[in-house]
Each structure stands twice: as C-alpha cells, then as structure tokens.
Amino acid sequence: MIKRLANEALAGSVTFVAMVVVMAVLPDVLCGQALGTTTGFSADAVVWSTAIAVAVGCVLMGTIGRLPIAVGPTYGQAFFLVLTLIPAAAAAGSAEPWRTALGATFIAGTALVLLSLLGLRTVVFRAVDAELQTAIGCGIGLLIAAMGLRAAGIIAPGAGAFRLVLDLRSPDVIVCIMGIIVAGVLQARGWRTALLIAMCAAIVSAWLLRSYVPVWVPQWAATEAWTASQIQSATVPTRAIGLPAQRFDGFFSLDISGALAPPMWMPTLLLLFSMLSDSTSGLLALMHHGGFISSNDDPRVRRAMLADSLSTVASSALGVSACGAYAESNAGIASGGRSGLTAVAAGALMVAALLCAPLVEALGNYPPASAPVLILVGAAMASRLRQLQWNDPAASVPMLLVIVGIPLTSSIADSMAAALLASPVLKLASGRARETSVLAWVFAAAMLGYFIWLR
C-alpha cells in the first residue's frame, strides 16, 4: 500500500511539473497583458484563483472520476473568455464585463453538469461532425500561437490582420526565440518539463540582456528596437519564497443576472459547445490513451465528465475561465499514475506552488517570456490539422471558416457560428441531408438567429 501511494504521488508530481506553467501564463491571458489590452482581472487574484481552481478540479476528478487526470482552466477557454465573452458583455452594456463573462461561464458549466448527469453530453457531442470539432480546436490553437507571436513582438496589428515584424534587434524577439529553441530541443529529447525550463531560460536571458547590454553595448540600448521593447519589465525576484498579494477579487464575483441578458445567450451557447468539443474530446483521448476505458459507453466516462463539468462551475465561481482535462496528464500516466490519487497529488502541489509567487510573478510580468508557451501550445493544438480530410467541399468549407476565421478575426464566436450554420446547409445542398442530425439543424437555426438578430 505504501509503495502504491508513493508511486501515485510521484506520478502526480510529474503531472504537476508538466502543467505548472499555467499558473504564470493564464494570468497574462486573462488580464490581457499577453494581448496588449486590459480586461478587468487582477493578476494576483488570477494567480490565487488559478491554483485553487486546478486543485479543486484535480480533487473532483480524483474522487468522482477516480482517474489520474489533472483538470483546470485551459488556455483555449481563457482566450474564449477574453476575446468573445468580455466583448459581448461590454456590447450588452455591462458595467464590469469580466464579471458578466464569469457569469456566462457559470451558466455554461451548469448546463454541462446537467448534460453529464442526464447522460446527454456525448449525444450533443456527436451531433456535430468530428472533423469540424477538430477544426475548431485547430483554429483556436492558431489563434493562441498568433497571440504568443504578438506578445513577443514578432507580429503586430497591421492594415489587415497582422504584419510580420521579426526585428532581431528587439530583445523581446530574441528572448522568445531563445525560449522556443530551448523548449523544442527539450521536447525532442522527451523532457516533460520542457515548457517550464524554456520559460525560466527566457526570463533569465531577458534579465541578462536588461542588465548588461546598456553597459556593454550602449549603442544597441539606444536603438528604437530596444527602447520600444518590454525588456524593462524583465526582473529577477529578490526572493523565491512568498505568497502572492492577498487579492481575491475574482472569488464569487460572477454576474449571473448580466449573463442572462439576451445579447449573452448566443456567446454562452457557443461557449457551451466549445466546452463540449474541447473538454470532451480531450478527456476521452486521455482515457483511451491510458487504457482506462475500452469504449465511450464505459460507466467511468459519465463520472469523469461530471467531475470536469463541476470543475468549470467551481472555476467560474473562483474567478477564472472554464476547465478541461490537461494533456500534460499523459506525463503522470506514463510515470505510473493509475488512480485518482495522482490527480489529487497534482492539485495539492499546485496549491503549494503559491509559496513560489515571486517566481511566478517574474515569469508573468514579462509577456515575451511566456510567449513561447503560447506559441508551442497553440502549435500542438493546430497539429491535428493533419487528421482532416479536405476532399469533401461540404465538410472542408465549414472547417476553413474556423481554421482561417478564428486566427484572422480573433472572433471565436462568429467563426464557430458561421461553421455550425454552413455545415448542415452544405450537406443538404449536396444531397446528403441524412448525414446531418436533427440537433445539428437546431444548432444551425440558432446560429442563423444569432446573425440576424443578435450580431
């Protein structure tokens, strides 16, 4: 028994190390720092909320799902909240759009809990073509990668969507490229901690550039590329141990009544669909990969889905975006994690990581250091493009709408709505109406109403 507990704890620590970068990167996204905007979220509050939300998600998965799968706020859902829900709430007249966005997340999470309890989650999940669901994930991945490139100053807003900058005299660009190289080399060698080490290498290289270039190469420090960069925000903390500032702005700050306003209905529905597609497919993939189920009808599937649905309800109440299963759980499973104890151990370590707040803040205060994580995570999500078949116009056009539309317009909701509307219509036009479910037509009708009355 003791040996088994030790093995599960070790596997949990491997999962934790692989996913801990979320504590530094998620505040950058939710606070808008990685996007060059402001959202209303407080960075210190998001650090607290992220750590506790991951811990709650892991405990729920460990106790209800009894699986070694870590659950917590995901990058894709964080971008959905910032780029879709907050603008929708602002357009609806909300005084504090970020609170309304959390309210919408709570409503979508509650709906997901009900679908999981009734056993309807997989039914809704299958209502839309699997390839279109994959394409949506790829489009969001490309958007995340683009935002990472923007945070590093490699691309910038232009007359169209973006223009390439890639000024190698910019310290931000150098730091980002350094992080990508380190992460790429370590990932190729199978290191589970590649992203964490890459972030640390990036912030250290930024600190070295900031400290020594003005002394040793003053001509470089006087250039516009240097002065226009964010290098001055790159600092090395004076201490490694300490809690974040005790700000809990996000706790129970969600505005549910604002989220019930008619202009928020469609963004909330699209969030629910995004969660169905993203978290369901990711969770099933991890369960199949680990050998925990042989089919999607296994009783463990419903328990696991209930656990991750409850995690989203909890995360919205805590003040962060919707949750999903972390792909980094594969690291713990490969290290021998076979039970829920692995997930519980990973969650406990995430709370303990709050003691290293000075390090987390140093990583989060300089967006080019976290940019490599966004770029590589986005690239990993977009890598599923190779699974798509493009020889069917009825399927390829909706896929193209999200793969191209999401990163170019930064509007996840509009691109998803257009694809969900186009998919059954094109199937009908090509004489293949029987391939489309009734529920898919319901989705299409809702999307049409969105474009006519709400958009």
Protein backbone atom coordinates (compact mmCIF):
# COMPACT_ATOMS: atom_id res chain seq x y z
CA MET A 1 0.00 0.00 0.00
CA ILE A 2 2.75 2.47 0.93
CA LYS A 3 4.61 1.69 -2.28
CA ARG A 4 1.47 2.28 -4.31
CA LEU A 5 0.81 5.60 -2.59
CA ALA A 6 4.40 6.64 -3.26
CA ASN A 7 4.09 5.73 -6.94
CA GLU A 8 0.85 7.71 -7.29
CA ALA A 9 2.36 10.71 -5.51
CA LEU A 10 5.41 10.57 -7.79
CA ALA A 11 3.18 10.41 -10.87
CA GLY A 12 1.20 13.38 -9.53
CA SER A 13 4.39 15.38 -9.09
CA VAL A 14 5.36 14.63 -12.72
CA THR A 15 1.97 15.88 -13.91
CA PHE A 16 2.30 18.97 -11.72
CA VAL A 17 5.72 19.91 -13.09
CA ALA A 18 4.46 19.48 -16.64
CA MET A 19 1.41 21.73 -16.12
CA VAL A 20 2.60 24.30 -13.55
CA VAL A 21 3.35 26.87 -16.27
CA VAL A 22 -0.39 27.55 -16.41
CA MET A 23 -0.05 29.49 -13.15
CA ALA A 24 2.25 32.01 -14.85
CA VAL A 25 0.69 32.10 -18.32
CA LEU A 26 -3.04 32.17 -17.50
CA PRO A 27 -2.85 35.48 -15.59
CA ASP A 28 -1.12 37.02 -18.62
CA VAL A 29 -4.02 35.93 -20.82
CA LEU A 30 -6.93 36.74 -18.52
CA CYS A 31 -5.51 40.12 -17.52
CA GLY A 32 -4.94 40.94 -21.19
CA GLN A 33 -1.21 41.54 -20.80
CA ALA A 34 -0.38 38.92 -23.41
CA LEU A 35 -2.88 40.55 -25.78
CA GLY A 36 -1.90 44.16 -25.21
CA THR A 37 -5.21 45.08 -23.61
CA THR A 38 -6.94 45.30 -20.22
CA THR A 39 -9.82 43.10 -19.12
CA GLY A 40 -10.57 43.99 -15.50
CA PHE A 41 -8.98 40.89 -14.00
CA SER A 42 -6.32 41.36 -11.31
CA ALA A 43 -3.10 39.41 -11.87
CA ASP A 44 -2.60 38.49 -8.20
CA ALA A 45 -6.23 37.42 -7.89
CA VAL A 46 -5.94 35.25 -11.01
CA VAL A 47 -2.84 33.52 -9.59
CA TRP A 48 -4.79 32.58 -6.45
CA SER A 49 -7.87 31.58 -8.44
CA THR A 50 -5.90 29.50 -10.94
CA ALA A 51 -4.06 27.50 -8.28
CA ILE A 52 -7.22 26.82 -6.29
CA ALA A 53 -9.31 26.06 -9.40
CA VAL A 54 -6.73 23.49 -10.56
CA ALA A 55 -6.67 21.95 -7.08
CA VAL A 56 -10.48 21.73 -6.98
CA GLY A 57 -10.61 20.26 -10.48
CA CYS A 58 -7.96 17.66 -9.67
CA VAL A 59 -9.69 16.65 -6.43
CA LEU A 60 -13.04 16.33 -8.21
CA MET A 61 -11.50 14.18 -10.94
CA GLY A 62 -9.58 12.13 -8.39
CA THR A 63 -12.58 11.46 -6.15
CA ILE A 64 -15.53 11.36 -8.56
CA GLY A 65 -13.81 10.24 -11.75
CA ARG A 66 -11.13 8.23 -9.89
CA LEU A 67 -8.71 8.89 -12.74
CA PRO A 68 -5.10 10.20 -12.80
CA ILE A 69 -6.14 13.14 -14.98
CA ALA A 70 -5.47 16.74 -13.95
CA VAL A 71 -8.25 19.24 -14.63
CA GLY A 72 -8.13 23.02 -14.58
CA PRO A 73 -8.60 26.25 -16.56
CA THR A 74 -7.36 25.84 -20.12
CA TYR A 75 -5.69 28.31 -22.48
CA GLY A 76 -8.34 27.89 -25.17
CA GLN A 77 -11.21 28.72 -22.82
CA ALA A 78 -9.25 31.65 -21.38
CA PHE A 79 -8.93 33.14 -24.86
CA PHE A 80 -12.63 32.49 -25.47
CA LEU A 81 -13.50 34.41 -22.31
CA VAL A 82 -11.23 37.36 -23.13
CA LEU A 83 -11.88 37.64 -26.88
CA THR A 84 -15.55 36.62 -27.04
CA LEU A 85 -17.37 36.78 -23.72
CA ILE A 86 -15.92 40.05 -22.42
CA PRO A 87 -16.54 41.99 -25.69
CA ALA A 88 -20.07 40.53 -25.85
CA ALA A 89 -20.71 41.62 -22.26
CA ALA A 90 -19.35 45.09 -23.00
CA ALA A 91 -21.57 45.38 -26.08
CA ALA A 92 -24.53 44.32 -23.92
CA GLY A 93 -23.88 47.31 -21.66
CA SER A 94 -22.32 45.53 -18.70
CA ALA A 95 -20.54 47.89 -16.31
CA GLU A 96 -17.97 45.19 -15.48
CA PRO A 97 -17.82 42.86 -18.50
CA TRP A 98 -15.36 40.44 -16.88
CA ARG A 99 -17.87 39.64 -14.14
CA THR A 100 -20.58 39.02 -16.72
CA ALA A 101 -18.20 36.76 -18.64
CA LEU A 102 -17.68 34.71 -15.49
CA GLY A 103 -21.45 34.54 -15.08
CA ALA A 104 -21.78 33.16 -18.61
CA THR A 105 -19.09 30.58 -17.82
CA PHE A 106 -21.04 29.54 -14.71
CA ILE A 107 -24.25 29.12 -16.73
CA ALA A 108 -22.49 27.09 -19.43
CA GLY A 109 -20.81 24.97 -16.76
CA THR A 110 -24.12 24.32 -15.03
CA ALA A 111 -25.66 23.25 -18.34
CA LEU A 112 -22.70 20.92 -18.87
CA VAL A 113 -23.28 19.38 -15.43
CA LEU A 114 -26.93 18.71 -16.30
CA LEU A 115 -25.98 17.15 -19.64
CA SER A 116 -23.43 14.95 -17.86
CA LEU A 117 -25.93 13.85 -15.20
CA LEU A 118 -28.56 13.01 -17.83
CA GLY A 119 -26.06 11.13 -19.98
CA LEU A 120 -26.69 13.51 -22.90
CA ARG A 121 -23.24 15.03 -23.14
CA THR A 122 -21.90 12.54 -25.66
CA VAL A 123 -25.18 12.75 -27.62
CA VAL A 124 -24.73 16.51 -28.09
CA PHE A 125 -21.01 15.99 -28.68
CA ARG A 126 -21.73 13.64 -31.60
CA ALA A 127 -24.32 15.95 -33.16
CA VAL A 128 -21.59 17.88 -34.99
CA ASP A 129 -19.08 16.34 -37.36
CA ALA A 130 -15.95 15.15 -35.58
CA GLU A 131 -13.77 16.81 -38.22
CA LEU A 132 -15.45 20.18 -37.66
CA GLN A 133 -14.83 19.83 -33.92
CA THR A 134 -11.17 19.09 -34.67
CA ALA A 135 -11.02 22.11 -36.97
CA ILE A 136 -12.40 24.38 -34.23
CA GLY A 137 -9.63 23.22 -31.90
CA CYS A 138 -7.05 23.85 -34.62
CA GLY A 139 -8.40 27.35 -35.26
CA ILE A 140 -8.22 28.21 -31.56
CA GLY A 141 -4.70 26.78 -31.48
CA LEU A 142 -3.63 29.02 -34.35
CA LEU A 143 -5.14 31.99 -32.52
CA ILE A 144 -3.22 31.14 -29.34
CA ALA A 145 0.02 30.82 -31.33
CA ALA A 146 -0.67 34.15 -33.05
CA MET A 147 -1.24 35.85 -29.70
CA GLY A 148 2.06 34.41 -28.47
CA LEU A 149 3.84 35.81 -31.53
CA ARG A 150 2.16 39.15 -30.89
CA ALA A 151 3.18 39.16 -27.21
CA ALA A 152 6.80 38.74 -28.30
CA GLY A 153 6.58 41.48 -30.92
CA ILE A 154 7.24 39.08 -33.79
CA ILE A 155 3.98 40.08 -35.45
CA ALA A 156 1.92 43.22 -34.92
CA PRO A 157 -1.51 44.52 -35.95
CA GLY A 158 -1.40 45.88 -39.47
CA ALA A 159 -3.70 47.05 -42.25
CA GLY A 160 -5.06 43.51 -42.45
CA ALA A 161 -4.93 41.10 -39.57
CA PHE A 162 -1.22 41.09 -38.72
CA ARG A 163 2.09 42.11 -40.24
CA LEU A 164 5.41 40.39 -39.69
CA VAL A 165 7.96 42.39 -37.71
CA LEU A 166 10.62 39.92 -36.56
CA ASP A 167 13.19 42.59 -35.71
CA LEU A 168 16.19 40.62 -34.44
CA ARG A 169 17.46 43.76 -32.73
CA SER A 170 14.49 43.61 -30.37
CA PRO A 171 15.33 41.89 -27.06
CA ASP A 172 11.73 40.65 -26.84
CA VAL A 173 12.12 38.74 -30.11
CA ILE A 174 15.48 37.32 -29.03
CA VAL A 175 14.07 36.15 -25.70
CA CYS A 176 11.09 34.48 -27.37
CA ILE A 177 13.24 32.70 -29.95
CA MET A 178 15.54 31.55 -27.16
CA GLY A 179 12.58 30.06 -25.30
CA ILE A 180 11.26 28.30 -28.40
CA ILE A 181 14.69 26.78 -29.15
CA VAL A 182 15.14 25.54 -25.58
CA ALA A 183 11.63 24.09 -25.47
CA GLY A 184 11.99 22.49 -28.89
CA VAL A 185 15.28 20.80 -28.03
CA LEU A 186 13.98 19.53 -24.68
CA GLN A 187 10.69 18.31 -26.15
CA ALA A 188 12.60 16.44 -28.85
CA ARG A 189 14.54 14.71 -26.07
CA GLY A 190 11.34 13.79 -24.25
CA TRP A 191 11.65 16.18 -21.30
CA ARG A 192 8.30 16.62 -19.52
CA THR A 193 9.44 19.94 -18.08
CA ALA A 194 10.37 21.48 -21.44
CA LEU A 195 7.94 24.42 -21.28
CA LEU A 196 8.77 25.25 -17.66
CA ILE A 197 12.52 25.21 -18.31
CA ALA A 198 12.04 27.24 -21.51
CA MET A 199 10.16 29.94 -19.58
CA CYS A 200 12.87 30.08 -16.95
CA ALA A 201 15.59 30.24 -19.62
CA ALA A 202 13.69 33.04 -21.36
CA ILE A 203 13.32 35.19 -18.24
CA VAL A 204 16.97 34.66 -17.25
CA SER A 205 18.16 35.63 -20.74
CA ALA A 206 15.89 38.70 -20.59
CA TRP A 207 17.36 39.72 -17.25
CA LEU A 208 20.91 39.29 -18.59
CA LEU A 209 20.11 41.42 -21.63
CA ARG A 210 18.48 44.10 -19.50
CA SER A 211 21.38 44.20 -17.04
CA TYR A 212 24.39 44.07 -19.33
CA VAL A 213 23.51 45.41 -22.78
CA PRO A 214 23.22 49.07 -21.61
CA VAL A 215 26.70 48.71 -20.07
CA TRP A 216 28.49 46.63 -22.68
CA VAL A 217 26.65 47.63 -25.88
CA PRO A 218 25.16 51.09 -25.23
CA GLN A 219 24.62 51.66 -28.96
CA TRP A 220 22.12 48.78 -29.02
CA ALA A 221 20.36 50.06 -25.91
CA ALA A 222 19.86 53.41 -27.64
CA THR A 223 18.08 51.95 -30.68
CA GLU A 224 14.33 52.22 -31.18
CA ALA A 225 14.03 48.41 -31.20
CA TRP A 226 15.41 48.34 -27.65
CA THR A 227 13.54 51.32 -26.21
CA ALA A 228 10.20 50.19 -27.72
CA SER A 229 10.54 46.71 -26.22
CA GLN A 230 9.19 45.42 -22.90
CA ILE A 231 12.63 44.47 -21.61
CA GLN A 232 12.46 46.87 -18.64
CA SER A 233 9.74 44.71 -17.08
CA ALA A 234 12.05 41.68 -17.02
CA THR A 235 13.23 41.29 -13.43
CA VAL A 236 14.70 38.55 -11.30
CA PRO A 237 12.90 38.29 -7.93
CA THR A 238 14.86 39.10 -4.81
CA ARG A 239 13.37 36.05 -3.08
CA ALA A 240 11.99 32.74 -4.22
CA ILE A 241 9.50 32.05 -1.42
CA GLY A 242 6.42 34.10 -0.64
CA LEU A 243 2.68 34.18 -1.21
CA PRO A 244 1.04 36.40 -3.84
CA ALA A 245 -0.57 39.62 -2.69
CA GLN A 246 -3.76 38.58 -0.97
CA ARG A 247 -6.23 39.80 -3.55
CA PHE A 248 -9.32 37.68 -4.07
CA ASP A 249 -11.22 39.95 -6.46
CA GLY A 250 -12.37 37.03 -8.57
CA PHE A 251 -13.87 34.95 -5.79
CA PHE A 252 -17.67 34.81 -6.15
CA SER A 253 -17.64 37.96 -8.29
CA LEU A 254 -19.58 36.49 -11.21
CA ASP A 255 -22.55 38.43 -12.55
CA ILE A 256 -25.15 35.80 -13.42
CA SER A 257 -28.01 38.24 -13.97
CA GLY A 258 -25.94 40.16 -16.53
CA ALA A 259 -25.09 36.90 -18.29
CA LEU A 260 -28.82 36.16 -18.69
CA ALA A 261 -29.32 39.25 -20.88
CA PRO A 262 -30.41 38.29 -24.45
CA PRO A 263 -27.17 39.53 -26.12
CA MET A 264 -25.26 37.00 -23.99
CA TRP A 265 -27.36 33.97 -24.94
CA MET A 266 -25.53 33.07 -28.12
CA PRO A 267 -21.96 33.63 -26.79
CA THR A 268 -22.90 31.44 -23.81
CA LEU A 269 -24.30 28.74 -26.10
CA LEU A 270 -21.14 28.85 -28.20
CA LEU A 271 -19.07 28.60 -25.04
CA LEU A 272 -21.06 25.51 -24.06
CA PHE A 273 -20.40 23.99 -27.47
CA SER A 274 -16.72 24.88 -27.26
CA MET A 275 -16.52 23.20 -23.86
CA LEU A 276 -18.37 20.15 -25.18
CA SER A 277 -15.98 19.86 -28.09
CA ASP A 278 -12.73 20.74 -26.31
CA SER A 279 -13.04 19.14 -22.90
CA THR A 280 -15.00 16.06 -24.02
CA SER A 281 -12.59 15.14 -26.81
CA GLY A 282 -9.55 15.82 -24.61
CA LEU A 283 -10.92 13.79 -21.72
CA LEU A 284 -11.89 10.83 -23.91
CA ALA A 285 -8.48 10.88 -25.60
CA LEU A 286 -6.68 10.72 -22.25
CA MET A 287 -8.91 7.91 -21.00
CA HIS A 288 -8.40 5.84 -24.13
CA HIS A 289 -4.66 6.55 -24.22
CA GLY A 290 -4.25 5.45 -20.61
CA GLY A 291 -6.27 2.28 -21.17
CA PHE A 292 -8.90 3.24 -18.60
CA ILE A 293 -11.85 2.62 -20.94
CA SER A 294 -12.45 0.44 -23.97
CA SER A 295 -15.45 2.39 -25.31
CA ASN A 296 -17.16 5.75 -24.83
CA ASP A 297 -20.08 3.96 -23.16
CA ASP A 298 -17.96 2.89 -20.19
CA PRO A 299 -19.55 3.99 -16.84
CA ARG A 300 -16.30 5.76 -15.93
CA VAL A 301 -16.90 8.20 -18.79
CA ARG A 302 -20.01 9.68 -17.17
CA ARG A 303 -18.25 10.05 -13.80
CA ALA A 304 -15.26 11.75 -15.41
CA MET A 305 -17.49 14.10 -17.40
CA LEU A 306 -19.41 15.04 -14.27
CA ALA A 307 -16.13 15.81 -12.49
CA ASP A 308 -14.80 18.11 -15.21
CA SER A 309 -18.22 19.82 -15.57
CA LEU A 310 -18.31 20.58 -11.85
CA SER A 311 -14.77 21.93 -12.18
CA THR A 312 -15.97 24.59 -14.62
CA VAL A 313 -18.76 25.64 -12.24
CA ALA A 314 -16.18 25.93 -9.46
CA SER A 315 -13.63 27.80 -11.60
CA SER A 316 -16.19 30.42 -12.66
CA ALA A 317 -17.10 30.97 -9.00
CA LEU A 318 -13.39 31.31 -8.18
CA GLY A 319 -12.83 33.87 -10.95
CA VAL A 320 -11.17 32.06 -13.86
CA SER A 321 -12.16 30.55 -17.20
CA ALA A 322 -13.71 27.18 -17.99
CA CYS A 323 -11.85 23.96 -17.24
CA GLY A 324 -10.79 20.94 -19.18
CA ALA A 325 -8.51 17.93 -18.86
CA TYR A 326 -4.82 18.80 -19.19
CA ALA A 327 -2.93 16.92 -21.90
CA GLU A 328 0.07 17.07 -19.53
CA SER A 329 -1.68 14.32 -17.55
CA ASN A 330 -0.11 11.93 -20.06
CA ALA A 331 3.21 12.57 -18.30
CA GLY A 332 1.84 11.34 -14.96
CA ILE A 333 0.08 8.38 -16.57
CA ALA A 334 3.31 7.38 -18.32
CA SER A 335 5.06 7.59 -14.93
CA GLY A 336 2.73 5.01 -13.41
CA GLY A 337 -0.31 7.03 -12.34
CA ARG A 338 -3.33 4.73 -12.35
CA SER A 339 -5.79 6.16 -9.84
CA GLY A 340 -7.34 9.39 -8.65
CA LEU A 341 -4.57 9.78 -6.09
CA THR A 342 -2.32 11.02 -8.90
CA ALA A 343 -4.73 13.86 -9.72
CA VAL A 344 -5.19 14.76 -6.05
CA ALA A 345 -1.41 14.91 -5.55
CA ALA A 346 -1.02 17.19 -8.59
CA GLY A 347 -3.73 19.51 -7.27
CA ALA A 348 -2.17 19.68 -3.80
CA LEU A 349 1.18 20.61 -5.31
CA MET A 350 -0.45 23.38 -7.33
CA VAL A 351 -1.70 24.99 -4.11
CA ALA A 352 1.75 24.54 -2.56
CA ALA A 353 3.22 26.35 -5.60
CA LEU A 354 1.55 29.54 -4.33
CA LEU A 355 4.52 29.75 -1.97
CA CYS A 356 6.71 30.43 -5.02
CA ALA A 357 4.71 33.52 -6.02
CA PRO A 358 7.78 35.75 -6.60
CA LEU A 359 8.98 33.38 -9.31
CA VAL A 360 5.51 33.15 -10.85
CA GLU A 361 5.16 36.94 -10.87
CA ALA A 362 8.58 37.38 -12.52
CA LEU A 363 7.55 34.97 -15.27
CA GLY A 364 4.17 36.62 -15.71
CA ASN A 365 5.30 40.25 -15.69
CA TYR A 366 7.27 39.88 -18.91
CA PRO A 367 4.97 38.53 -21.69
CA PRO A 368 7.77 37.62 -24.16
CA ALA A 369 8.97 35.03 -21.61
CA SER A 370 5.60 33.28 -21.61
CA ALA A 371 5.10 33.78 -25.36
CA PRO A 372 6.99 30.55 -26.24
CA VAL A 373 4.48 28.58 -24.17
CA LEU A 374 1.53 30.10 -26.05
CA ILE A 375 3.23 29.54 -29.41
CA LEU A 376 4.09 25.90 -28.71
CA VAL A 377 0.76 25.07 -27.04
CA GLY A 378 -1.06 26.65 -29.98
CA ALA A 379 1.12 24.75 -32.44
CA ALA A 380 0.37 21.48 -30.63
CA MET A 381 -3.36 22.16 -30.85
CA ALA A 382 -3.09 23.06 -34.54
CA SER A 383 -1.05 19.92 -35.29
CA ARG A 384 -4.32 17.99 -35.55
CA LEU A 385 -4.79 19.62 -38.96
CA ARG A 386 -3.13 16.54 -40.43
CA GLN A 387 -6.14 14.47 -39.32
CA LEU A 388 -8.57 16.44 -41.51
CA GLN A 389 -9.79 15.32 -44.91
CA TRP A 390 -10.14 18.14 -47.47
CA ASN A 391 -11.59 16.26 -50.45
CA ASP A 392 -15.22 16.89 -49.43
CA PRO A 393 -16.36 20.51 -50.09
CA ALA A 394 -19.39 20.11 -47.81
CA ALA A 395 -17.01 19.44 -44.92
CA SER A 396 -13.96 21.47 -45.96
CA VAL A 397 -15.75 24.84 -46.27
CA PRO A 398 -17.01 24.86 -42.63
CA MET A 399 -13.58 23.67 -41.49
CA LEU A 400 -11.91 26.50 -43.38
CA LEU A 401 -14.28 29.02 -41.78
CA VAL A 402 -12.91 28.23 -38.33
CA ILE A 403 -9.32 27.40 -39.20
CA VAL A 404 -8.85 30.68 -41.09
CA GLY A 405 -11.59 32.77 -39.48
CA ILE A 406 -10.64 32.34 -35.82
CA PRO A 407 -6.99 33.47 -36.03
CA LEU A 408 -7.60 36.19 -38.62
CA THR A 409 -10.62 37.80 -36.95
CA SER A 410 -9.86 36.89 -33.31
CA SER A 411 -13.59 36.15 -33.10
CA ILE A 412 -14.06 32.57 -31.96
CA ALA A 413 -17.84 33.00 -31.63
CA ASP A 414 -18.52 34.40 -35.11
CA SER A 415 -16.30 31.84 -36.84
CA MET A 416 -17.85 28.93 -34.91
CA ALA A 417 -21.37 30.20 -35.61
CA ALA A 418 -20.65 30.51 -39.34
CA ALA A 419 -19.25 26.97 -39.48
CA LEU A 420 -22.11 25.44 -37.49
CA LEU A 421 -24.58 27.14 -39.86
CA ALA A 422 -22.73 26.23 -43.06
CA SER A 423 -22.15 22.55 -42.23
CA PRO A 424 -25.73 21.19 -42.40
CA VAL A 425 -26.71 23.62 -45.20
CA LEU A 426 -23.89 22.36 -47.42
CA LYS A 427 -24.72 18.75 -46.58
CA LEU A 428 -28.34 19.44 -47.62
CA ALA A 429 -27.26 21.18 -50.82
CA SER A 430 -25.05 18.24 -51.77
CA GLY A 431 -27.93 15.77 -51.35
CA ARG A 432 -26.66 14.28 -48.09
CA ALA A 433 -29.24 15.57 -45.64
CA ARG A 434 -29.40 12.17 -43.91
CA GLU A 435 -25.84 12.64 -42.67
CA THR A 436 -26.99 15.59 -40.55
CA SER A 437 -28.69 15.06 -37.19
CA VAL A 438 -31.77 16.94 -36.03
CA LEU A 439 -29.69 18.54 -33.28
CA ALA A 440 -27.23 19.87 -35.85
CA TRP A 441 -30.14 21.62 -37.58
CA VAL A 442 -31.20 23.07 -34.23
CA PHE A 443 -27.68 24.47 -33.82
CA ALA A 444 -27.81 25.86 -37.38
CA ALA A 445 -31.17 27.58 -36.75
CA ALA A 446 -29.78 29.13 -33.56
CA MET A 447 -26.72 30.40 -35.43
CA LEU A 448 -28.92 31.91 -38.15
CA GLY A 449 -30.92 33.72 -35.48
CA TYR A 450 -27.65 34.94 -33.98
CA PHE A 451 -26.52 36.53 -37.24
CA ILE A 452 -29.94 38.06 -37.98
CA TRP A 453 -30.96 39.44 -34.59
CA LEU A 454 -28.00 39.48 -32.20
CA ARG A 455 -24.83 40.01 -34.19
